[in-house]
Amino acid sequence: GRVPLPIEGRKEGVYVKVGSHSPFSPC
């Protein structure tokens, strides 16, 4: 990813991995 511009409210972004023992939902 690119470094965000120095503007208020701009974020770099985060990848969050979540796991479960149950299958994925239809959504």
mmCIF file of all heavy atoms, coordinates in Angstrom:
data_MODEL
# 
_entry.id   MODEL 
# 
loop_
_atom_site.group_PDB 
_atom_site.id 
_atom_site.type_symbol 
_atom_site.label_atom_id 
_atom_site.label_alt_id 
_atom_site.label_comp_id 
_atom_site.label_asym_id 
_atom_site.label_entity_id 
_atom_site.label_seq_id 
_atom_site.pdbx_PDB_ins_code 
_atom_site.Cartn_x 
_atom_site.Cartn_y 
_atom_site.Cartn_z 
_atom_site.occupancy 
_atom_site.B_iso_or_equiv 
_atom_site.pdbx_formal_charge 
_atom_site.auth_seq_id 
_atom_site.auth_comp_id 
_atom_site.auth_asym_id 
_atom_site.auth_atom_id 
_atom_site.pdbx_PDB_model_num 
ATOM 1   N N   . GLY A 1 1  ? 0.815   -1.207  0.000  1.00 0.00 ? 1  GLY A N   1 
ATOM 2   C CA  . GLY A 1 1  ? 0.000   0.000   0.000  1.00 0.00 ? 1  GLY A CA  1 
ATOM 3   C C   . GLY A 1 1  ? 0.850   1.259   0.000  1.00 0.00 ? 1  GLY A C   1 
ATOM 4   O O   . GLY A 1 1  ? 2.020   1.248   0.380  1.00 0.00 ? 1  GLY A O   1 
ATOM 5   N N   . ARG A 1 2  ? 0.247   2.352   -0.435 1.00 0.00 ? 2  ARG A N   1 
ATOM 6   C CA  . ARG A 1 2  ? 0.950   3.626   -0.504 1.00 0.00 ? 2  ARG A CA  1 
ATOM 7   C C   . ARG A 1 2  ? 0.802   4.394   0.802  1.00 0.00 ? 2  ARG A C   1 
ATOM 8   O O   . ARG A 1 2  ? -0.197  4.273   1.503  1.00 0.00 ? 2  ARG A O   1 
ATOM 9   C CB  . ARG A 1 2  ? 0.411   4.461   -1.659 1.00 0.00 ? 2  ARG A CB  1 
ATOM 10  C CG  . ARG A 1 2  ? 0.648   3.844   -3.036 1.00 0.00 ? 2  ARG A CG  1 
ATOM 11  C CD  . ARG A 1 2  ? 0.128   4.763   -4.127 1.00 0.00 ? 2  ARG A CD  1 
ATOM 12  N NE  . ARG A 1 2  ? 0.385   4.213   -5.459 1.00 0.00 ? 2  ARG A NE  1 
ATOM 13  C CZ  . ARG A 1 2  ? 0.044   4.819   -6.602 1.00 0.00 ? 2  ARG A CZ  1 
ATOM 14  N NH1 . ARG A 1 2  ? -0.577  5.997   -6.556 1.00 0.00 ? 2  ARG A NH1 1 
ATOM 15  N NH2 . ARG A 1 2  ? 0.314   4.253   -7.759 1.00 0.00 ? 2  ARG A NH2 1 
ATOM 16  N N   . VAL A 1 3  ? 1.812   5.198   1.082  1.00 0.00 ? 3  VAL A N   1 
ATOM 17  C CA  . VAL A 1 3  ? 1.753   6.052   2.260  1.00 0.00 ? 3  VAL A CA  1 
ATOM 18  C C   . VAL A 1 3  ? 0.693   7.120   2.036  1.00 0.00 ? 3  VAL A C   1 
ATOM 19  O O   . VAL A 1 3  ? 0.680   7.783   0.989  1.00 0.00 ? 3  VAL A O   1 
ATOM 20  C CB  . VAL A 1 3  ? 3.130   6.703   2.518  1.00 0.00 ? 3  VAL A CB  1 
ATOM 21  C CG1 . VAL A 1 3  ? 3.069   7.616   3.734  1.00 0.00 ? 3  VAL A CG1 1 
ATOM 22  C CG2 . VAL A 1 3  ? 4.189   5.641   2.704  1.00 0.00 ? 3  VAL A CG2 1 
ATOM 23  N N   . PRO A 1 4  ? -0.250  7.288   2.964  1.00 0.00 ? 4  PRO A N   1 
ATOM 24  C CA  . PRO A 1 4  ? -1.328  8.267   2.741  1.00 0.00 ? 4  PRO A CA  1 
ATOM 25  C C   . PRO A 1 4  ? -0.803  9.694   2.741  1.00 0.00 ? 4  PRO A C   1 
ATOM 26  O O   . PRO A 1 4  ? 0.243   10.005  3.316  1.00 0.00 ? 4  PRO A O   1 
ATOM 27  C CB  . PRO A 1 4  ? -2.269  8.014   3.928  1.00 0.00 ? 4  PRO A CB  1 
ATOM 28  C CG  . PRO A 1 4  ? -1.406  7.413   4.982  1.00 0.00 ? 4  PRO A CG  1 
ATOM 29  C CD  . PRO A 1 4  ? -0.375  6.592   4.253  1.00 0.00 ? 4  PRO A CD  1 
ATOM 30  N N   . LEU A 1 5  ? -1.528  10.550  2.070  1.00 0.00 ? 5  LEU A N   1 
ATOM 31  C CA  . LEU A 1 5  ? -1.172  11.965  2.036  1.00 0.00 ? 5  LEU A CA  1 
ATOM 32  C C   . LEU A 1 5  ? -1.328  12.579  3.424  1.00 0.00 ? 5  LEU A C   1 
ATOM 33  O O   . LEU A 1 5  ? -2.160  12.138  4.226  1.00 0.00 ? 5  LEU A O   1 
ATOM 34  C CB  . LEU A 1 5  ? -2.070  12.704  1.036  1.00 0.00 ? 5  LEU A CB  1 
ATOM 35  C CG  . LEU A 1 5  ? -1.935  12.278  -0.430 1.00 0.00 ? 5  LEU A CG  1 
ATOM 36  C CD1 . LEU A 1 5  ? -2.969  13.006  -1.276 1.00 0.00 ? 5  LEU A CD1 1 
ATOM 37  C CD2 . LEU A 1 5  ? -0.529  12.546  -0.942 1.00 0.00 ? 5  LEU A CD2 1 
ATOM 38  N N   . PRO A 1 6  ? -0.528  13.562  3.734  1.00 0.00 ? 6  PRO A N   1 
ATOM 39  C CA  . PRO A 1 6  ? -0.627  14.195  5.064  1.00 0.00 ? 6  PRO A CA  1 
ATOM 40  C C   . PRO A 1 6  ? -1.868  15.068  5.183  1.00 0.00 ? 6  PRO A C   1 
ATOM 41  O O   . PRO A 1 6  ? -1.790  16.283  5.397  1.00 0.00 ? 6  PRO A O   1 
ATOM 42  C CB  . PRO A 1 6  ? 0.664   15.013  5.139  1.00 0.00 ? 6  PRO A CB  1 
ATOM 43  C CG  . PRO A 1 6  ? 1.013   15.315  3.727  1.00 0.00 ? 6  PRO A CG  1 
ATOM 44  C CD  . PRO A 1 6  ? 0.575   14.119  2.932  1.00 0.00 ? 6  PRO A CD  1 
ATOM 45  N N   . ILE A 1 7  ? -3.005  14.443  5.038  1.00 0.00 ? 7  ILE A N   1 
ATOM 46  C CA  . ILE A 1 7  ? -4.292  15.126  5.162  1.00 0.00 ? 7  ILE A CA  1 
ATOM 47  C C   . ILE A 1 7  ? -5.015  14.531  6.360  1.00 0.00 ? 7  ILE A C   1 
ATOM 48  O O   . ILE A 1 7  ? -4.976  13.314  6.587  1.00 0.00 ? 7  ILE A O   1 
ATOM 49  C CB  . ILE A 1 7  ? -5.131  14.973  3.876  1.00 0.00 ? 7  ILE A CB  1 
ATOM 50  C CG1 . ILE A 1 7  ? -4.362  15.519  2.664  1.00 0.00 ? 7  ILE A CG1 1 
ATOM 51  C CG2 . ILE A 1 7  ? -6.474  15.673  4.016  1.00 0.00 ? 7  ILE A CG2 1 
ATOM 52  C CD1 . ILE A 1 7  ? -5.092  15.333  1.350  1.00 0.00 ? 7  ILE A CD1 1 
ATOM 53  N N   . GLU A 1 8  ? -5.674  15.367  7.104  1.00 0.00 ? 8  GLU A N   1 
ATOM 54  C CA  . GLU A 1 8  ? -6.379  14.901  8.296  1.00 0.00 ? 8  GLU A CA  1 
ATOM 55  C C   . GLU A 1 8  ? -7.463  13.905  7.912  1.00 0.00 ? 8  GLU A C   1 
ATOM 56  O O   . GLU A 1 8  ? -8.269  14.142  7.017  1.00 0.00 ? 8  GLU A O   1 
ATOM 57  C CB  . GLU A 1 8  ? -6.993  16.095  9.038  1.00 0.00 ? 8  GLU A CB  1 
ATOM 58  C CG  . GLU A 1 8  ? -7.650  15.711  10.356 1.00 0.00 ? 8  GLU A CG  1 
ATOM 59  C CD  . GLU A 1 8  ? -8.215  16.914  11.080 1.00 0.00 ? 8  GLU A CD  1 
ATOM 60  O OE1 . GLU A 1 8  ? -8.078  18.037  10.547 1.00 0.00 ? 8  GLU A OE1 1 
ATOM 61  O OE2 . GLU A 1 8  ? -8.784  16.730  12.162 1.00 0.00 ? 8  GLU A OE2 1 
ATOM 62  N N   . GLY A 1 9  ? -7.471  12.789  8.588  1.00 0.00 ? 9  GLY A N   1 
ATOM 63  C CA  . GLY A 1 9  ? -8.454  11.745  8.336  1.00 0.00 ? 9  GLY A CA  1 
ATOM 64  C C   . GLY A 1 9  ? -7.975  10.636  7.424  1.00 0.00 ? 9  GLY A C   1 
ATOM 65  O O   . GLY A 1 9  ? -8.640  9.607   7.323  1.00 0.00 ? 9  GLY A O   1 
ATOM 66  N N   . ARG A 1 10 ? -6.845  10.828  6.746  1.00 0.00 ? 10 ARG A N   1 
ATOM 67  C CA  . ARG A 1 10 ? -6.314  9.780   5.884  1.00 0.00 ? 10 ARG A CA  1 
ATOM 68  C C   . ARG A 1 10 ? -5.560  8.754   6.733  1.00 0.00 ? 10 ARG A C   1 
ATOM 69  O O   . ARG A 1 10 ? -4.733  9.109   7.563  1.00 0.00 ? 10 ARG A O   1 
ATOM 70  C CB  . ARG A 1 10 ? -5.393  10.367  4.817  1.00 0.00 ? 10 ARG A CB  1 
ATOM 71  C CG  . ARG A 1 10 ? -6.104  11.269  3.821  1.00 0.00 ? 10 ARG A CG  1 
ATOM 72  C CD  . ARG A 1 10 ? -7.025  10.454  2.932  1.00 0.00 ? 10 ARG A CD  1 
ATOM 73  N NE  . ARG A 1 10 ? -7.663  11.278  1.915  1.00 0.00 ? 10 ARG A NE  1 
ATOM 74  C CZ  . ARG A 1 10 ? -7.173  11.453  0.694  1.00 0.00 ? 10 ARG A CZ  1 
ATOM 75  N NH1 . ARG A 1 10 ? -6.024  10.887  0.357  1.00 0.00 ? 10 ARG A NH1 1 
ATOM 76  N NH2 . ARG A 1 10 ? -7.809  12.205  -0.183 1.00 0.00 ? 10 ARG A NH2 1 
ATOM 77  N N   . LYS A 1 11 ? -5.846  7.481   6.501  1.00 0.00 ? 11 LYS A N   1 
ATOM 78  C CA  . LYS A 1 11 ? -5.214  6.402   7.248  1.00 0.00 ? 11 LYS A CA  1 
ATOM 79  C C   . LYS A 1 11 ? -4.488  5.475   6.282  1.00 0.00 ? 11 LYS A C   1 
ATOM 80  O O   . LYS A 1 11 ? -4.779  5.434   5.085  1.00 0.00 ? 11 LYS A O   1 
ATOM 81  C CB  . LYS A 1 11 ? -6.250  5.615   8.062  1.00 0.00 ? 11 LYS A CB  1 
ATOM 82  C CG  . LYS A 1 11 ? -7.069  6.465   9.029  1.00 0.00 ? 11 LYS A CG  1 
ATOM 83  C CD  . LYS A 1 11 ? -6.211  6.976   10.179 1.00 0.00 ? 11 LYS A CD  1 
ATOM 84  C CE  . LYS A 1 11 ? -7.062  7.739   11.194 1.00 0.00 ? 11 LYS A CE  1 
ATOM 85  N NZ  . LYS A 1 11 ? -6.271  8.202   12.359 1.00 0.00 ? 11 LYS A NZ  1 
ATOM 86  N N   . GLU A 1 12 ? -3.559  4.696   6.836  1.00 0.00 ? 12 GLU A N   1 
ATOM 87  C CA  . GLU A 1 12 ? -2.770  3.788   6.005  1.00 0.00 ? 12 GLU A CA  1 
ATOM 88  C C   . GLU A 1 12 ? -3.517  2.506   5.662  1.00 0.00 ? 12 GLU A C   1 
ATOM 89  O O   . GLU A 1 12 ? -3.220  1.854   4.669  1.00 0.00 ? 12 GLU A O   1 
ATOM 90  C CB  . GLU A 1 12 ? -1.465  3.446   6.717  1.00 0.00 ? 12 GLU A CB  1 
ATOM 91  C CG  . GLU A 1 12 ? -1.655  2.720   8.029  1.00 0.00 ? 12 GLU A CG  1 
ATOM 92  C CD  . GLU A 1 12 ? -0.360  2.522   8.797  1.00 0.00 ? 12 GLU A CD  1 
ATOM 93  O OE1 . GLU A 1 12 ? 0.572   3.325   8.584  1.00 0.00 ? 12 GLU A OE1 1 
ATOM 94  O OE2 . GLU A 1 12 ? -0.286  1.587   9.615  1.00 0.00 ? 12 GLU A OE2 1 
ATOM 95  N N   . GLY A 1 13 ? -4.495  2.129   6.465  1.00 0.00 ? 13 GLY A N   1 
ATOM 96  C CA  . GLY A 1 13 ? -5.238  0.897   6.232  1.00 0.00 ? 13 GLY A CA  1 
ATOM 97  C C   . GLY A 1 13 ? -4.624  -0.284  6.964  1.00 0.00 ? 13 GLY A C   1 
ATOM 98  O O   . GLY A 1 13 ? -3.404  -0.366  7.133  1.00 0.00 ? 13 GLY A O   1 
ATOM 99  N N   . VAL A 1 14 ? -5.461  -1.202  7.385  1.00 0.00 ? 14 VAL A N   1 
ATOM 100 C CA  . VAL A 1 14 ? -5.025  -2.351  8.177  1.00 0.00 ? 14 VAL A CA  1 
ATOM 101 C C   . VAL A 1 14 ? -5.723  -3.604  7.666  1.00 0.00 ? 14 VAL A C   1 
ATOM 102 O O   . VAL A 1 14 ? -6.939  -3.593  7.434  1.00 0.00 ? 14 VAL A O   1 
ATOM 103 C CB  . VAL A 1 14 ? -5.325  -2.158  9.681  1.00 0.00 ? 14 VAL A CB  1 
ATOM 104 C CG1 . VAL A 1 14 ? -4.763  -3.313  10.498 1.00 0.00 ? 14 VAL A CG1 1 
ATOM 105 C CG2 . VAL A 1 14 ? -4.770  -0.842  10.178 1.00 0.00 ? 14 VAL A CG2 1 
ATOM 106 N N   . TYR A 1 15 ? -4.946  -4.669  7.493  1.00 0.00 ? 15 TYR A N   1 
ATOM 107 C CA  . TYR A 1 15 ? -5.499  -5.989  7.187  1.00 0.00 ? 15 TYR A CA  1 
ATOM 108 C C   . TYR A 1 15 ? -5.680  -6.742  8.502  1.00 0.00 ? 15 TYR A C   1 
ATOM 109 O O   . TYR A 1 15 ? -4.719  -6.925  9.260  1.00 0.00 ? 15 TYR A O   1 
ATOM 110 C CB  . TYR A 1 15 ? -4.567  -6.779  6.267  1.00 0.00 ? 15 TYR A CB  1 
ATOM 111 C CG  . TYR A 1 15 ? -4.606  -6.352  4.825  1.00 0.00 ? 15 TYR A CG  1 
ATOM 112 C CD1 . TYR A 1 15 ? -3.700  -5.420  4.331  1.00 0.00 ? 15 TYR A CD1 1 
ATOM 113 C CD2 . TYR A 1 15 ? -5.550  -6.887  3.952  1.00 0.00 ? 15 TYR A CD2 1 
ATOM 114 C CE1 . TYR A 1 15 ? -3.734  -5.030  3.002  1.00 0.00 ? 15 TYR A CE1 1 
ATOM 115 C CE2 . TYR A 1 15 ? -5.587  -6.489  2.622  1.00 0.00 ? 15 TYR A CE2 1 
ATOM 116 C CZ  . TYR A 1 15 ? -4.673  -5.570  2.154  1.00 0.00 ? 15 TYR A CZ  1 
ATOM 117 O OH  . TYR A 1 15 ? -4.717  -5.189  0.831  1.00 0.00 ? 15 TYR A OH  1 
ATOM 118 N N   . VAL A 1 16 ? -6.900  -7.181  8.759  1.00 0.00 ? 16 VAL A N   1 
ATOM 119 C CA  . VAL A 1 16 ? -7.214  -7.919  9.972  1.00 0.00 ? 16 VAL A CA  1 
ATOM 120 C C   . VAL A 1 16 ? -7.732  -9.293  9.563  1.00 0.00 ? 16 VAL A C   1 
ATOM 121 O O   . VAL A 1 16 ? -8.722  -9.401  8.838  1.00 0.00 ? 16 VAL A O   1 
ATOM 122 C CB  . VAL A 1 16 ? -8.261  -7.184  10.833 1.00 0.00 ? 16 VAL A CB  1 
ATOM 123 C CG1 . VAL A 1 16 ? -8.513  -7.957  12.122 1.00 0.00 ? 16 VAL A CG1 1 
ATOM 124 C CG2 . VAL A 1 16 ? -7.802  -5.768  11.142 1.00 0.00 ? 16 VAL A CG2 1 
ATOM 125 N N   . LYS A 1 17 ? -7.049  -10.323 10.035 1.00 0.00 ? 17 LYS A N   1 
ATOM 126 C CA  . LYS A 1 17 ? -7.455  -11.699 9.730  1.00 0.00 ? 17 LYS A CA  1 
ATOM 127 C C   . LYS A 1 17 ? -8.179  -12.282 10.937 1.00 0.00 ? 17 LYS A C   1 
ATOM 128 O O   . LYS A 1 17 ? -7.666  -12.272 12.048 1.00 0.00 ? 17 LYS A O   1 
ATOM 129 C CB  . LYS A 1 17 ? -6.239  -12.559 9.377  1.00 0.00 ? 17 LYS A CB  1 
ATOM 130 C CG  . LYS A 1 17 ? -6.594  -13.990 8.982  1.00 0.00 ? 17 LYS A CG  1 
ATOM 131 C CD  . LYS A 1 17 ? -5.358  -14.793 8.633  1.00 0.00 ? 17 LYS A CD  1 
ATOM 132 C CE  . LYS A 1 17 ? -4.753  -14.309 7.339  1.00 0.00 ? 17 LYS A CE  1 
ATOM 133 N NZ  . LYS A 1 17 ? -3.612  -15.189 6.920  1.00 0.00 ? 17 LYS A NZ  1 
ATOM 134 N N   . VAL A 1 18 ? -9.386  -12.766 10.688 1.00 0.00 ? 18 VAL A N   1 
ATOM 135 C CA  . VAL A 1 18 ? -10.245 -13.324 11.725 1.00 0.00 ? 18 VAL A CA  1 
ATOM 136 C C   . VAL A 1 18 ? -10.496 -14.782 11.386 1.00 0.00 ? 18 VAL A C   1 
ATOM 137 O O   . VAL A 1 18 ? -10.689 -15.133 10.211 1.00 0.00 ? 18 VAL A O   1 
ATOM 138 C CB  . VAL A 1 18 ? -11.565 -12.535 11.835 1.00 0.00 ? 18 VAL A CB  1 
ATOM 139 C CG1 . VAL A 1 18 ? -12.456 -13.125 12.906 1.00 0.00 ? 18 VAL A CG1 1 
ATOM 140 C CG2 . VAL A 1 18 ? -11.280 -11.068 12.136 1.00 0.00 ? 18 VAL A CG2 1 
ATOM 141 N N   . GLY A 1 19 ? -10.477 -15.633 12.398 1.00 0.00 ? 19 GLY A N   1 
ATOM 142 C CA  . GLY A 1 19 ? -10.689 -17.061 12.180 1.00 0.00 ? 19 GLY A CA  1 
ATOM 143 C C   . GLY A 1 19 ? -11.820 -17.611 13.014 1.00 0.00 ? 19 GLY A C   1 
ATOM 144 O O   . GLY A 1 19 ? -12.182 -17.056 14.055 1.00 0.00 ? 19 GLY A O   1 
ATOM 145 N N   . SER A 1 20 ? -12.387 -18.717 12.545 1.00 0.00 ? 20 SER A N   1 
ATOM 146 C CA  . SER A 1 20 ? -13.487 -19.369 13.234 1.00 0.00 ? 20 SER A CA  1 
ATOM 147 C C   . SER A 1 20 ? -13.469 -20.850 12.879 1.00 0.00 ? 20 SER A C   1 
ATOM 148 O O   . SER A 1 20 ? -12.934 -21.258 11.841 1.00 0.00 ? 20 SER A O   1 
ATOM 149 C CB  . SER A 1 20 ? -14.836 -18.753 12.854 1.00 0.00 ? 20 SER A CB  1 
ATOM 150 O OG  . SER A 1 20 ? -15.907 -19.489 13.408 1.00 0.00 ? 20 SER A OG  1 
ATOM 151 N N   . HIS A 1 21 ? -14.057 -21.655 13.752 1.00 0.00 ? 21 HIS A N   1 
ATOM 152 C CA  . HIS A 1 21 ? -14.212 -23.082 13.481 1.00 0.00 ? 21 HIS A CA  1 
ATOM 153 C C   . HIS A 1 21 ? -15.541 -23.385 12.782 1.00 0.00 ? 21 HIS A C   1 
ATOM 154 O O   . HIS A 1 21 ? -15.830 -24.547 12.502 1.00 0.00 ? 21 HIS A O   1 
ATOM 155 C CB  . HIS A 1 21 ? -14.133 -23.889 14.789 1.00 0.00 ? 21 HIS A CB  1 
ATOM 156 C CG  . HIS A 1 21 ? -12.756 -23.896 15.386 1.00 0.00 ? 21 HIS A CG  1 
ATOM 157 N ND1 . HIS A 1 21 ? -11.791 -24.809 15.028 1.00 0.00 ? 21 HIS A ND1 1 
ATOM 158 C CD2 . HIS A 1 21 ? -12.181 -23.088 16.310 1.00 0.00 ? 21 HIS A CD2 1 
ATOM 159 C CE1 . HIS A 1 21 ? -10.678 -24.582 15.707 1.00 0.00 ? 21 HIS A CE1 1 
ATOM 160 N NE2 . HIS A 1 21 ? -10.892 -23.537 16.495 1.00 0.00 ? 21 HIS A NE2 1 
ATOM 161 N N   . SER A 1 22 ? -16.322 -22.349 12.517 1.00 0.00 ? 22 SER A N   1 
ATOM 162 C CA  . SER A 1 22 ? -17.601 -22.506 11.836 1.00 0.00 ? 22 SER A CA  1 
ATOM 163 C C   . SER A 1 22 ? -17.479 -22.020 10.397 1.00 0.00 ? 22 SER A C   1 
ATOM 164 O O   . SER A 1 22 ? -16.671 -21.133 10.103 1.00 0.00 ? 22 SER A O   1 
ATOM 165 C CB  . SER A 1 22 ? -18.695 -21.712 12.561 1.00 0.00 ? 22 SER A CB  1 
ATOM 166 O OG  . SER A 1 22 ? -18.790 -22.114 13.916 1.00 0.00 ? 22 SER A OG  1 
ATOM 167 N N   . PRO A 1 23 ? -18.267 -22.585 9.486  1.00 0.00 ? 23 PRO A N   1 
ATOM 168 C CA  . PRO A 1 23 ? -18.165 -22.175 8.069  1.00 0.00 ? 23 PRO A CA  1 
ATOM 169 C C   . PRO A 1 23 ? -18.554 -20.717 7.876  1.00 0.00 ? 23 PRO A C   1 
ATOM 170 O O   . PRO A 1 23 ? -19.124 -20.059 8.748  1.00 0.00 ? 23 PRO A O   1 
ATOM 171 C CB  . PRO A 1 23 ? -19.144 -23.128 7.363  1.00 0.00 ? 23 PRO A CB  1 
ATOM 172 C CG  . PRO A 1 23 ? -19.326 -24.278 8.297  1.00 0.00 ? 23 PRO A CG  1 
ATOM 173 C CD  . PRO A 1 23 ? -19.197 -23.718 9.683  1.00 0.00 ? 23 PRO A CD  1 
ATOM 174 N N   . PHE A 1 24 ? -18.233 -20.225 6.688  1.00 0.00 ? 24 PHE A N   1 
ATOM 175 C CA  . PHE A 1 24 ? -18.550 -18.843 6.351  1.00 0.00 ? 24 PHE A CA  1 
ATOM 176 C C   . PHE A 1 24 ? -20.060 -18.670 6.189  1.00 0.00 ? 24 PHE A C   1 
ATOM 177 O O   . PHE A 1 24 ? -20.776 -19.588 5.788  1.00 0.00 ? 24 PHE A O   1 
ATOM 178 C CB  . PHE A 1 24 ? -17.849 -18.435 5.054  1.00 0.00 ? 24 PHE A CB  1 
ATOM 179 C CG  . PHE A 1 24 ? -16.355 -18.595 5.095  1.00 0.00 ? 24 PHE A CG  1 
ATOM 180 C CD1 . PHE A 1 24 ? -15.726 -19.539 4.302  1.00 0.00 ? 24 PHE A CD1 1 
ATOM 181 C CD2 . PHE A 1 24 ? -15.588 -17.811 5.934  1.00 0.00 ? 24 PHE A CD2 1 
ATOM 182 C CE1 . PHE A 1 24 ? -14.346 -19.689 4.339  1.00 0.00 ? 24 PHE A CE1 1 
ATOM 183 C CE2 . PHE A 1 24 ? -14.208 -17.949 5.977  1.00 0.00 ? 24 PHE A CE2 1 
ATOM 184 C CZ  . PHE A 1 24 ? -13.588 -18.893 5.183  1.00 0.00 ? 24 PHE A CZ  1 
ATOM 185 N N   . SER A 1 25 ? -20.499 -17.466 6.474  1.00 0.00 ? 25 SER A N   1 
ATOM 186 C CA  . SER A 1 25 ? -21.917 -17.155 6.338  1.00 0.00 ? 25 SER A CA  1 
ATOM 187 C C   . SER A 1 25 ? -22.246 -16.879 4.873  1.00 0.00 ? 25 SER A C   1 
ATOM 188 O O   . SER A 1 25 ? -21.360 -16.572 4.069  1.00 0.00 ? 25 SER A O   1 
ATOM 189 C CB  . SER A 1 25 ? -22.259 -15.937 7.196  1.00 0.00 ? 25 SER A CB  1 
ATOM 190 O OG  . SER A 1 25 ? -21.564 -14.794 6.713  1.00 0.00 ? 25 SER A OG  1 
ATOM 191 N N   . PRO A 1 26 ? -23.514 -16.983 4.485  1.00 0.00 ? 26 PRO A N   1 
ATOM 192 C CA  . PRO A 1 26 ? -23.887 -16.629 3.113  1.00 0.00 ? 26 PRO A CA  1 
ATOM 193 C C   . PRO A 1 26 ? -23.536 -15.199 2.746  1.00 0.00 ? 26 PRO A C   1 
ATOM 194 O O   . PRO A 1 26 ? -23.270 -14.897 1.577  1.00 0.00 ? 26 PRO A O   1 
ATOM 195 C CB  . PRO A 1 26 ? -25.397 -16.856 3.088  1.00 0.00 ? 26 PRO A CB  1 
ATOM 196 C CG  . PRO A 1 26 ? -25.648 -17.858 4.179  1.00 0.00 ? 26 PRO A CG  1 
ATOM 197 C CD  . PRO A 1 26 ? -24.642 -17.535 5.249  1.00 0.00 ? 26 PRO A CD  1 
ATOM 198 N N   . CYS A 1 27 ? -23.514 -14.311 3.735  1.00 0.00 ? 27 CYS A N   1 
ATOM 199 C CA  . CYS A 1 27 ? -23.158 -12.919 3.455  1.00 0.00 ? 27 CYS A CA  1 
ATOM 200 C C   . CYS A 1 27 ? -21.722 -12.813 2.966  1.00 0.00 ? 27 CYS A C   1 
ATOM 201 O O   . CYS A 1 27 ? -21.429 -12.130 1.980  1.00 0.00 ? 27 CYS A O   1 
ATOM 202 C CB  . CYS A 1 27 ? -23.370 -12.079 4.709  1.00 0.00 ? 27 CYS A CB  1 
ATOM 203 S SG  . CYS A 1 27 ? -22.855 -10.353 4.556  1.00 0.00 ? 27 CYS A SG  1 
# 
